[in-house]
C-alpha atoms as a PDB file:
ATOM      1  CA  MET A   1     108.106 102.446  75.181  1.00  0.00           C
ATOM      2  CA  ALA A   2     111.337 100.675  76.149  1.00  0.00           C
ATOM      3  CA  ALA A   3     113.189 102.302  73.232  1.00  0.00           C
ATOM      4  CA  THR A   4     111.972 105.804  74.068  1.00  0.00           C
ATOM      5  CA  ARG A   5     114.790 108.275  74.619  1.00  0.00           C
ATOM      6  CA  VAL A   6     114.044 109.917  77.962  1.00  0.00           C
ATOM      7  CA  GLY A   7     115.519 113.102  79.413  1.00  0.00           C
ATOM      8  CA  PHE A   8     115.377 114.250  83.027  1.00  0.00           C
ATOM      9  CA  ILE A   9     116.077 117.692  84.508  1.00  0.00           C
ATOM     10  CA  GLY A  10     115.784 118.347  88.244  1.00  0.00           C
ATOM     11  CA  LEU A  11     117.633 115.691  90.228  1.00  0.00           C
ATOM     12  CA  GLY A  12     116.681 116.856  93.696  1.00  0.00           C
ATOM     13  CA  PHE A  13     115.214 114.923  96.622  1.00  0.00           C
ATOM     14  CA  MET A  14     112.457 113.489  94.405  1.00  0.00           C
ATOM     15  CA  GLY A  15     113.985 113.687  90.948  1.00  0.00           C
ATOM     16  CA  GLU A  16     117.012 111.480  91.489  1.00  0.00           C
ATOM     17  CA  GLY A  17     114.894 108.542  92.611  1.00  0.00           C
ATOM     18  CA  MET A  18     112.477 109.016  89.714  1.00  0.00           C
ATOM     19  CA  ALA A  19     115.272 109.243  87.152  1.00  0.00           C
ATOM     20  CA  THR A  20     117.017 106.208  88.604  1.00  0.00           C
ATOM     21  CA  ASN A  21     113.840 104.163  88.260  1.00  0.00           C
ATOM     22  CA  LEU A  22     113.416 105.248  84.637  1.00  0.00           C
ATOM     23  CA  LEU A  23     116.984 104.142  83.922  1.00  0.00           C
ATOM     24  CA  VAL A  24     117.053 100.805  85.744  1.00  0.00           C
ATOM     25  CA  LYS A  25     113.688  99.841  84.247  1.00  0.00           C
ATOM     26  CA  GLY A  26     115.086  99.809  80.754  1.00  0.00           C
ATOM     27  CA  ASN A  27     114.878 103.334  79.372  1.00  0.00           C
ATOM     28  CA  ALA A  28     117.713 105.152  77.650  1.00  0.00           C
ATOM     29  CA  LEU A  29     118.180 108.111  79.997  1.00  0.00           C
ATOM     30  CA  THR A  30     119.814 111.490  79.428  1.00  0.00           C
ATOM     31  CA  ALA A  31     120.391 113.702  82.469  1.00  0.00           C
ATOM     32  CA  MET A  32     121.385 117.320  82.978  1.00  0.00           C
ATOM     33  CA  ALA A  33     122.916 118.900  86.066  1.00  0.00           C
ATOM     34  CA  ASN A  34     120.686 121.543  87.614  1.00  0.00           C
ATOM     35  CA  ARG A  35     121.703 121.947  91.260  1.00  0.00           C
ATOM     36  CA  ARG A  36     123.073 118.542  92.254  1.00  0.00           C
ATOM     37  CA  ARG A  37     126.168 117.551  90.297  1.00  0.00           C
ATOM     38  CA  GLU A  38     126.632 114.421  92.394  1.00  0.00           C
ATOM     39  CA  ALA A  39     123.213 113.085  91.349  1.00  0.00           C
ATOM     40  CA  VAL A  40     124.206 113.262  87.669  1.00  0.00           C
ATOM     41  CA  ASP A  41     127.458 111.464  88.445  1.00  0.00           C
ATOM     42  CA  ARG A  42     125.555 108.623  90.089  1.00  0.00           C
ATOM     43  CA  LEU A  43     123.220 108.285  87.101  1.00  0.00           C
ATOM     44  CA  VAL A  44     126.090 108.372  84.615  1.00  0.00           C
ATOM     45  CA  ALA A  45     127.767 105.598  86.609  1.00  0.00           C
ATOM     46  CA  LEU A  46     124.583 103.554  86.075  1.00  0.00           C
ATOM     47  CA  GLY A  47     124.675 104.136  82.319  1.00  0.00           C
ATOM     48  CA  ALA A  48     122.928 107.458  81.732  1.00  0.00           C
ATOM     49  CA  ASN A  49     124.087 109.973  79.155  1.00  0.00           C
ATOM     50  CA  GLU A  50     124.756 113.594  80.159  1.00  0.00           C
ATOM     51  CA  VAL A  51     124.089 116.846  78.310  1.00  0.00           C
ATOM     52  CA  GLY A  52     124.920 120.418  79.208  1.00  0.00           C
ATOM     53  CA  THR A  53     121.738 122.238  78.153  1.00  0.00           C
ATOM     54  CA  ALA A  54     118.002 121.659  77.837  1.00  0.00           C
ATOM     55  CA  GLU A  55     118.319 122.544  74.138  1.00  0.00           C
ATOM     56  CA  GLU A  56     120.741 119.662  73.608  1.00  0.00           C
ATOM     57  CA  MET A  57     118.475 117.318  75.553  1.00  0.00           C
ATOM     58  CA  ALA A  58     115.488 118.292  73.407  1.00  0.00           C
ATOM     59  CA  ARG A  59     117.391 117.377  70.257  1.00  0.00           C
ATOM     60  CA  GLU A  60     118.263 113.931  71.604  1.00  0.00           C
ATOM     61  CA  CYS A  61     115.108 112.870  73.460  1.00  0.00           C
ATOM     62  CA  ASP A  62     111.515 111.867  72.753  1.00  0.00           C
ATOM     63  CA  VAL A  63     110.231 112.655  76.245  1.00  0.00           C
ATOM     64  CA  ILE A  64     111.654 115.072  78.826  1.00  0.00           C
ATOM     65  CA  PHE A  65     110.717 115.041  82.507  1.00  0.00           C
ATOM     66  CA  LEU A  66     111.070 118.227  84.554  1.00  0.00           C
ATOM     67  CA  CYS A  67     111.176 118.107  88.360  1.00  0.00           C
ATOM     68  CA  VAL A  68     112.106 121.608  89.481  1.00  0.00           C
ATOM     69  CA  THR A  69     110.861 124.141  92.013  1.00  0.00           C
ATOM     70  CA  GLY A  70     108.023 125.889  90.202  1.00  0.00           C
ATOM     71  CA  SER A  71     106.762 127.833  87.199  1.00  0.00           C
ATOM     72  CA  PRO A  72     109.653 130.322  86.828  1.00  0.00           C
ATOM     73  CA  GLU A  73     112.134 127.444  86.566  1.00  0.00           C
ATOM     74  CA  VAL A  74     109.911 125.491  84.164  1.00  0.00           C
ATOM     75  CA  GLU A  75     109.417 128.548  81.958  1.00  0.00           C
ATOM     76  CA  GLN A  76     113.162 129.220  81.861  1.00  0.00           C
ATOM     77  CA  LEU A  77     113.962 125.619  80.923  1.00  0.00           C
ATOM     78  CA  ILE A  78     111.421 125.653  78.100  1.00  0.00           C
ATOM     79  CA  GLU A  79     111.559 129.211  76.775  1.00  0.00           C
ATOM     80  CA  GLY A  80     114.901 130.565  77.960  1.00  0.00           C
ATOM     81  CA  THR A  81     118.223 130.746  76.150  1.00  0.00           C
ATOM     82  CA  GLY A  82     119.449 127.211  75.538  1.00  0.00           C
ATOM     83  CA  GLY A  83     116.003 125.918  76.480  1.00  0.00           C
ATOM     84  CA  ILE A  84     113.852 123.082  75.217  1.00  0.00           C
ATOM     85  CA  LEU A  85     112.109 125.122  72.515  1.00  0.00           C
ATOM     86  CA  ALA A  86     115.458 125.980  70.944  1.00  0.00           C
ATOM     87  CA  GLY A  87     116.164 122.298  70.261  1.00  0.00           C
ATOM     88  CA  ALA A  88     112.682 120.840  70.130  1.00  0.00           C
ATOM     89  CA  HIS A  89     111.283 118.658  67.367  1.00  0.00           C
ATOM     90  CA  PRO A  90     107.702 117.641  66.462  1.00  0.00           C
ATOM     91  CA  GLY A  91     106.384 114.841  68.661  1.00  0.00           C
ATOM     92  CA  LEU A  92     108.502 115.737  71.686  1.00  0.00           C
ATOM     93  CA  VAL A  93     106.614 115.383  74.982  1.00  0.00           C
ATOM     94  CA  VAL A  94     107.540 117.533  77.991  1.00  0.00           C
ATOM     95  CA  ILE A  95     106.247 116.188  81.316  1.00  0.00           C
ATOM     96  CA  ASP A  96     106.325 118.676  84.181  1.00  0.00           C
ATOM     97  CA  THR A  97     106.261 116.895  87.539  1.00  0.00           C
ATOM     98  CA  SER A  98     106.832 120.121  89.470  1.00  0.00           C
ATOM     99  CA  THR A  99     104.107 121.882  91.438  1.00  0.00           C
ATOM    100  CA  ALA A 100     103.410 124.837  89.170  1.00  0.00           C
ATOM    101  CA  GLU A 101     100.877 127.571  88.410  1.00  0.00           C
ATOM    102  CA  PRO A 102      98.070 126.171  86.224  1.00  0.00           C
ATOM    103  CA  THR A 103      97.876 129.363  84.141  1.00  0.00           C
ATOM    104  CA  SER A 104     101.554 129.030  83.242  1.00  0.00           C
ATOM    105  CA  THR A 105     101.059 125.344  82.469  1.00  0.00           C
ATOM    106  CA  VAL A 106      98.207 126.006  80.037  1.00  0.00           C
ATOM    107  CA  ARG A 107     100.172 128.788  78.316  1.00  0.00           C
ATOM    108  CA  LEU A 108     103.269 126.618  77.872  1.00  0.00           C
ATOM    109  CA  ALA A 109     101.142 123.747  76.583  1.00  0.00           C
ATOM    110  CA  ALA A 110      99.604 125.969  73.912  1.00  0.00           C
ATOM    111  CA  ARG A 111     103.027 127.151  72.810  1.00  0.00           C
ATOM    112  CA  LEU A 112     104.387 123.610  72.541  1.00  0.00           C
ATOM    113  CA  GLU A 113     101.294 122.315  70.769  1.00  0.00           C
ATOM    114  CA  ALA A 114     101.620 125.092  68.167  1.00  0.00           C
ATOM    115  CA  ALA A 115     105.081 123.717  67.355  1.00  0.00           C
ATOM    116  CA  GLY A 116     103.877 120.103  67.081  1.00  0.00           C
ATOM    117  CA  MET A 117     104.877 119.038  70.589  1.00  0.00           C
ATOM    118  CA  HIS A 118     102.949 118.032  73.695  1.00  0.00           C
ATOM    119  CA  PHE A 119     102.920 119.165  77.322  1.00  0.00           C
ATOM    120  CA  VAL A 120     101.833 117.018  80.253  1.00  0.00           C
ATOM    121  CA  ASP A 121     101.514 118.093  83.875  1.00  0.00           C
ATOM    122  CA  ALA A 122     102.123 115.187  86.251  1.00  0.00           C
ATOM    123  CA  PRO A 123     102.803 116.575  89.735  1.00  0.00           C
ATOM    124  CA  LEU A 124     103.758 114.175  92.468  1.00  0.00           C
ATOM    125  CA  GLY A 125     102.379 112.813  95.692  1.00  0.00           C
ATOM    126  CA  GLY A 126     104.729 111.113  98.104  1.00  0.00           C
ATOM    127  CA  THR A 127     108.185 111.393  99.601  1.00  0.00           C
ATOM    128  CA  PRO A 128     111.788 110.949  98.421  1.00  0.00           C
ATOM    129  CA  ALA A 129     111.678 107.431  99.847  1.00  0.00           C
ATOM    130  CA  GLY A 130     108.688 106.731  97.618  1.00  0.00           C
ATOM    131  CA  ALA A 131     110.531 108.198  94.626  1.00  0.00           C
ATOM    132  CA  ALA A 132     113.420 105.809  95.225  1.00  0.00           C
ATOM    133  CA  ALA A 133     111.024 102.890  95.654  1.00  0.00           C
ATOM    134  CA  GLY A 134     108.962 103.801  92.584  1.00  0.00           C
ATOM    135  CA  THR A 135     105.761 104.165  94.616  1.00  0.00           C
ATOM    136  CA  LEU A 136     104.822 107.813  94.111  1.00  0.00           C
ATOM    137  CA  GLN A 137     101.402 109.101  93.075  1.00  0.00           C
ATOM    138  CA  ALA A 138     101.091 111.019  89.784  1.00  0.00           C
ATOM    139  CA  LEU A 139      98.218 113.413  89.094  1.00  0.00           C
ATOM    140  CA  VAL A 140      98.232 113.724  85.318  1.00  0.00           C
ATOM    141  CA  GLY A 141      96.777 116.432  83.114  1.00  0.00           C
ATOM    142  CA  ALA A 142      97.039 115.468  79.449  1.00  0.00           C
ATOM    143  CA  ASP A 143      95.274 114.744  76.185  1.00  0.00           C
ATOM    144  CA  PRO A 144      94.010 111.148  76.450  1.00  0.00           C
ATOM    145  CA  ALA A 145      96.160 109.869  73.579  1.00  0.00           C
ATOM    146  CA  VAL A 146      99.280 111.530  74.968  1.00  0.00           C
ATOM    147  CA  PHE A 147      98.470 110.147  78.409  1.00  0.00           C
ATOM    148  CA  GLU A 148      98.388 106.592  77.050  1.00  0.00           C
ATOM    149  CA  ARG A 149     101.721 107.187  75.322  1.00  0.00           C
ATOM    150  CA  VAL A 150     103.551 108.355  78.453  1.00  0.00           C
ATOM    151  CA  LYS A 151     101.769 106.277  81.098  1.00  0.00           C
ATOM    152  CA  PRO A 152     104.321 103.399  80.936  1.00  0.00           C
ATOM    153  CA  LEU A 153     107.122 105.870  81.615  1.00  0.00           C
ATOM    154  CA  ILE A 154     105.325 107.460  84.556  1.00  0.00           C
ATOM    155  CA  ALA A 155     104.683 103.943  85.884  1.00  0.00           C
ATOM    156  CA  CYS A 156     108.439 103.511  86.282  1.00  0.00           C
ATOM    157  CA  TRP A 157     108.299 105.790  89.334  1.00  0.00           C
ATOM    158  CA  ALA A 158     104.599 105.932  90.273  1.00  0.00           C
ATOM    159  CA  ALA A 159     102.465 103.177  91.764  1.00  0.00           C
ATOM    160  CA  THR A 160      99.301 105.286  91.515  1.00  0.00           C
ATOM    161  CA  ILE A 161      98.566 107.179  88.297  1.00  0.00           C
ATOM    162  CA  VAL A 162      95.390 109.258  88.042  1.00  0.00           C
ATOM    163  CA  HIS A 163      94.435 110.978  84.788  1.00  0.00           C
ATOM    164  CA  VAL A 164      92.575 113.941  86.299  1.00  0.00           C
ATOM    165  CA  GLY A 165      91.745 115.765  83.062  1.00  0.00           C
ATOM    166  CA  PRO A 166      93.247 117.955  80.327  1.00  0.00           C
ATOM    167  CA  VAL A 167      96.540 119.821  80.582  1.00  0.00           C
ATOM    168  CA  GLY A 168      96.515 122.016  83.689  1.00  0.00           C
ATOM    169  CA  ALA A 169      94.189 119.769  85.678  1.00  0.00           C
ATOM    170  CA  GLY A 170      97.120 117.951  87.268  1.00  0.00           C
ATOM    171  CA  HIS A 171      98.570 121.145  88.702  1.00  0.00           C
ATOM    172  CA  LYS A 172      95.156 122.330  89.876  1.00  0.00           C
ATOM    173  CA  MET A 173      94.572 119.066  91.717  1.00  0.00           C
ATOM    174  CA  LYS A 174      98.082 119.125  93.162  1.00  0.00           C
ATOM    175  CA  LEU A 175      97.563 122.584  94.657  1.00  0.00           C
ATOM    176  CA  ILE A 176      94.361 121.391  96.311  1.00  0.00           C
ATOM    177  CA  ASN A 177      96.138 118.254  97.533  1.00  0.00           C
ATOM    178  CA  ASN A 178      98.953 120.340  99.035  1.00  0.00           C
ATOM    179  CA  PHE A 179      96.474 122.728 100.613  1.00  0.00           C
ATOM    180  CA  LEU A 180      95.046 119.745 102.477  1.00  0.00           C
ATOM    181  CA  SER A 181      98.392 118.274 103.533  1.00  0.00           C
ATOM    182  CA  LEU A 182      99.939 121.599 104.538  1.00  0.00           C
ATOM    183  CA  GLY A 183      96.710 122.490 106.299  1.00  0.00           C
ATOM    184  CA  TYR A 184      97.165 119.325 108.342  1.00  0.00           C
ATOM    185  CA  ALA A 185     100.734 120.417 109.135  1.00  0.00           C
ATOM    186  CA  ALA A 186      99.522 123.773 110.442  1.00  0.00           C
ATOM    187  CA  LEU A 187      96.727 122.117 112.409  1.00  0.00           C
ATOM    188  CA  TYR A 188      99.015 119.481 113.932  1.00  0.00           C
ATOM    189  CA  SER A 189     101.546 122.157 114.874  1.00  0.00           C
ATOM    190  CA  GLU A 190      99.027 124.311 116.698  1.00  0.00           C
ATOM    191  CA  ALA A 191      97.391 121.322 118.380  1.00  0.00           C
ATOM    192  CA  LEU A 192     100.777 120.032 119.594  1.00  0.00           C
ATOM    193  CA  ALA A 193     101.729 123.463 120.936  1.00  0.00           C
ATOM    194  CA  LEU A 194      98.400 123.837 122.737  1.00  0.00           C
ATOM    195  CA  GLY A 195      98.646 120.324 124.130  1.00  0.00           C
ATOM    196  CA  GLU A 196     102.127 120.903 125.489  1.00  0.00           C
ATOM    197  CA  LYS A 197     101.073 124.259 126.958  1.00  0.00           C
ATOM    198  CA  VAL A 198      98.327 122.546 128.971  1.00  0.00           C
ATOM    199  CA  GLY A 199     100.476 119.615 130.058  1.00  0.00           C
ATOM    200  CA  LEU A 200      99.965 117.035 127.299  1.00  0.00           C
ATOM    201  CA  SER A 201     103.173 115.761 125.715  1.00  0.00           C
ATOM    202  CA  ALA A 202     103.656 114.926 122.049  1.00  0.00           C
ATOM    203  CA  GLU A 203     103.807 111.270 123.088  1.00  0.00           C
ATOM    204  CA  THR A 204     100.403 111.560 124.753  1.00  0.00           C
ATOM    205  CA  PHE A 205      99.020 113.352 121.707  1.00  0.00           C
ATOM    206  CA  HIS A 206     100.271 110.532 119.482  1.00  0.00           C
ATOM    207  CA  SER A 207      98.948 107.816 121.772  1.00  0.00           C
ATOM    208  CA  VAL A 208      95.460 109.088 120.991  1.00  0.00           C
ATOM    209  CA  ILE A 209      95.597 110.528 117.463  1.00  0.00           C
ATOM    210  CA  GLY A 210      97.987 107.840 116.202  1.00  0.00           C
ATOM    211  CA  GLN A 211      95.457 105.135 117.027  1.00  0.00           C
ATOM    212  CA  GLY A 212      92.345 106.896 115.784  1.00  0.00           C
ATOM    213  CA  ARG A 213      90.536 107.684 112.550  1.00  0.00           C
ATOM    214  CA  MET A 214      92.545 110.871 111.946  1.00  0.00           C
ATOM    215  CA  ARG A 215      95.796 109.005 111.361  1.00  0.00           C
ATOM    216  CA  CYS A 216      97.119 109.067 107.789  1.00  0.00           C
ATOM    217  CA  GLY A 217     100.392 108.747 105.887  1.00  0.00           C
ATOM    218  CA  PHE A 218     101.130 112.467 106.166  1.00  0.00           C
ATOM    219  CA  TYR A 219     100.525 112.310 109.899  1.00  0.00           C
ATOM    220  CA  ASP A 220     102.993 109.436 110.207  1.00  0.00           C
ATOM    221  CA  THR A 221     105.905 111.234 108.538  1.00  0.00           C
ATOM    222  CA  PHE A 222     105.098 114.482 110.346  1.00  0.00           C
ATOM    223  CA  MET A 223     105.008 112.793 113.738  1.00  0.00           C
ATOM    224  CA  THR A 224     108.138 110.764 113.022  1.00  0.00           C
ATOM    225  CA  TYR A 225     110.012 114.068 113.138  1.00  0.00           C
ATOM    226  CA  VAL A 226     108.107 115.327 116.183  1.00  0.00           C
ATOM    227  CA  LEU A 227     108.728 112.161 118.184  1.00  0.00           C
ATOM    228  CA  THR A 228     112.197 111.068 117.022  1.00  0.00           C
ATOM    229  CA  ARG A 229     113.672 114.338 115.645  1.00  0.00           C
ATOM    230  CA  ASP A 230     114.495 112.568 112.384  1.00  0.00           C
ATOM    231  CA  GLU A 231     114.975 115.570 110.087  1.00  0.00           C
ATOM    232  CA  ASN A 232     114.760 113.361 106.999  1.00  0.00           C
ATOM    233  CA  ALA A 233     111.327 111.952 107.838  1.00  0.00           C
ATOM    234  CA  HIS A 234     109.569 114.351 105.451  1.00  0.00           C
ATOM    235  CA  ARG A 235     111.954 116.246 103.187  1.00  0.00           C
ATOM    236  CA  PHE A 236     109.750 119.002 101.822  1.00  0.00           C
ATOM    237  CA  THR A 237     110.928 122.513 102.564  1.00  0.00           C
ATOM    238  CA  ILE A 238     109.055 125.420 104.108  1.00  0.00           C
ATOM    239  CA  ASP A 239     110.083 127.477 101.046  1.00  0.00           C
ATOM    240  CA  ASN A 240     108.358 124.999  98.725  1.00  0.00           C
ATOM    241  CA  ALA A 241     105.291 124.849 100.957  1.00  0.00           C
ATOM    242  CA  ALA A 242     104.967 128.640 101.005  1.00  0.00           C
ATOM    243  CA  LYS A 243     105.370 128.739  97.225  1.00  0.00           C
ATOM    244  CA  ASP A 244     102.625 126.150  96.704  1.00  0.00           C
ATOM    245  CA  LEU A 245     100.251 128.013  99.008  1.00  0.00           C
ATOM    246  CA  ARG A 246     100.920 131.246  97.109  1.00  0.00           C
ATOM    247  CA  TYR A 247     100.024 129.410  93.889  1.00  0.00           C
ATOM    248  CA  LEU A 248      96.850 128.148  95.582  1.00  0.00           C
ATOM    249  CA  ALA A 249      95.941 131.719  96.556  1.00  0.00           C
ATOM    250  CA  GLY A 250      96.396 132.815  92.946  1.00  0.00           C
ATOM    251  CA  MET A 251      94.212 129.980  91.691  1.00  0.00           C
ATOM    252  CA  ALA A 252      91.516 130.857  94.230  1.00  0.00           C
ATOM    253  CA  ASP A 253      91.634 134.531  93.243  1.00  0.00           C
ATOM    254  CA  ALA A 254      91.326 133.625  89.563  1.00  0.00           C
ATOM    255  CA  ALA A 255      88.346 131.387  90.360  1.00  0.00           C
ATOM    256  CA  GLY A 256      86.686 134.112  92.453  1.00  0.00           C
ATOM    257  CA  ILE A 257      86.398 131.931  95.547  1.00  0.00           C
ATOM    258  CA  VAL A 258      86.878 132.868  99.193  1.00  0.00           C
ATOM    259  CA  ASN A 259      89.897 130.893 100.403  1.00  0.00           C
ATOM    260  CA  ALA A 260      90.030 132.017 104.027  1.00  0.00           C
ATOM    261  CA  LEU A 261      91.559 128.827 105.423  1.00  0.00           C
ATOM    262  CA  GLY A 262      94.115 128.791 102.610  1.00  0.00           C
ATOM    263  CA  ALA A 263      95.246 132.289 103.595  1.00  0.00           C
ATOM    264  CA  THR A 264      95.584 131.269 107.232  1.00  0.00           C
ATOM    265  CA  VAL A 265      97.649 128.200 106.387  1.00  0.00           C
ATOM    266  CA  LYS A 266      99.795 130.202 103.952  1.00  0.00           C
ATOM    267  CA  ASN A 267     100.554 132.803 106.589  1.00  0.00           C
ATOM    268  CA  GLU A 268     101.912 130.158 108.972  1.00  0.00           C
ATOM    269  CA  PHE A 269     104.448 128.996 106.410  1.00  0.00           C
ATOM    270  CA  VAL A 270     105.270 132.490 105.152  1.00  0.00           C
ATOM    271  CA  ALA A 271     105.924 133.603 108.742  1.00  0.00           C
ATOM    272  CA  MET A 272     108.440 130.794 109.208  1.00  0.00           C
ATOM    273  CA  GLN A 273     109.986 131.614 105.843  1.00  0.00           C
ATOM    274  CA  ALA A 274     110.251 135.294 106.788  1.00  0.00           C
ATOM    275  CA  ALA A 275     112.011 134.285 109.990  1.00  0.00           C
ATOM    276  CA  GLY A 276     114.820 132.830 107.877  1.00  0.00           C
ATOM    277  CA  GLU A 277     113.806 129.195 108.313  1.00  0.00           C
ATOM    278  CA  GLY A 278     112.575 128.473 104.782  1.00  0.00           C
ATOM    279  CA  GLY A 279     115.183 125.764 104.213  1.00  0.00           C
ATOM    280  CA  LYS A 280     113.827 123.655 107.044  1.00  0.00           C
ATOM    281  CA  PHE A 281     111.349 120.845 106.412  1.00  0.00           C
ATOM    282  CA  VAL A 282     107.572 120.958 106.881  1.00  0.00           C
ATOM    283  CA  PRO A 283     107.339 118.991 110.167  1.00  0.00           C
ATOM    284  CA  MET A 284     109.640 121.603 111.732  1.00  0.00           C
ATOM    285  CA  LEU A 285     106.705 123.998 111.571  1.00  0.00           C
ATOM    286  CA  SER A 286     105.741 122.352 114.859  1.00  0.00           C
ATOM    287  CA  ASP A 287     108.873 123.797 116.487  1.00  0.00           C
ATOM    288  CA  PHE A 288     108.233 127.253 115.043  1.00  0.00           C
ATOM    289  CA  VAL A 289     104.645 127.364 116.308  1.00  0.00           C
ATOM    290  CA  LYS A 290     105.731 126.195 119.767  1.00  0.00           C
ATOM    291  CA  THR A 291     108.451 128.814 119.948  1.00  0.00           C
ATOM    292  CA  LYS A 292     106.198 131.697 118.952  1.00  0.00           C
ATOM    293  CA  ASN A 293     103.814 130.569 121.706  1.00  0.00           C
ATOM    294  CA  GLY A 294     106.531 130.360 124.341  1.00  0.00           C
ATOM    295  CA  VAL A 295     106.271 126.578 124.645  1.00  0.00           C
END
């Protein structure tokens, strides 16, 4: 796989670290500016090539990673004017590491397969720090043979790689994963607000929960913000959280399942988004919940 020509689109908080690891671990990397011009400049300085369109990247690469906001962006990059399909060739593999709608993922996969290409969904678990360190988790939906082909590339930025099933399974599992983590965020936020209202500080809260069985990695980054006000402790926006929970609601509706807790969690994030605070990061939900409760 060392000679594989790899493309990367979506050099945001997570993507830049992932792309950097692909490059420094021996892969010929081609990058494209999406929103962060400075990220492309840093990669080019390390030896990456740059292209102006996804169509051009598709002509030059064997594998293309996408790390963008969600399904509309993925669909535009693949099917839009100057998109991947316009320059694609048989054997090309597109790996979507975004958190996307499974129905869109399956549809795009069928379209690529019909043209002799392959689609893989490999959404992420972890933080930007983990992306830079190459220690993310990847939840991969793919044909087994395609999975074996791309696994060494994913291993450049992921320490844990789980093949969860066929195409679409990765995005389904990711939505459930994010439902759990964002559910924790909503629960922590309300518990902290209630504690403070009855005279228990965040430090007291942490002195108990931080030493008990309910502590986890998500708790640690969440509470790092709460206790130290480090805004970079967990760089995942309220806008992205609300989007993921909307996707979860759609998946639940399609499955015909009652998702009452999912709706409650979604409404917490959508309320903060509607208040004009969607660009803030997930741990800041704790401030929003306190404020709406007069704490």
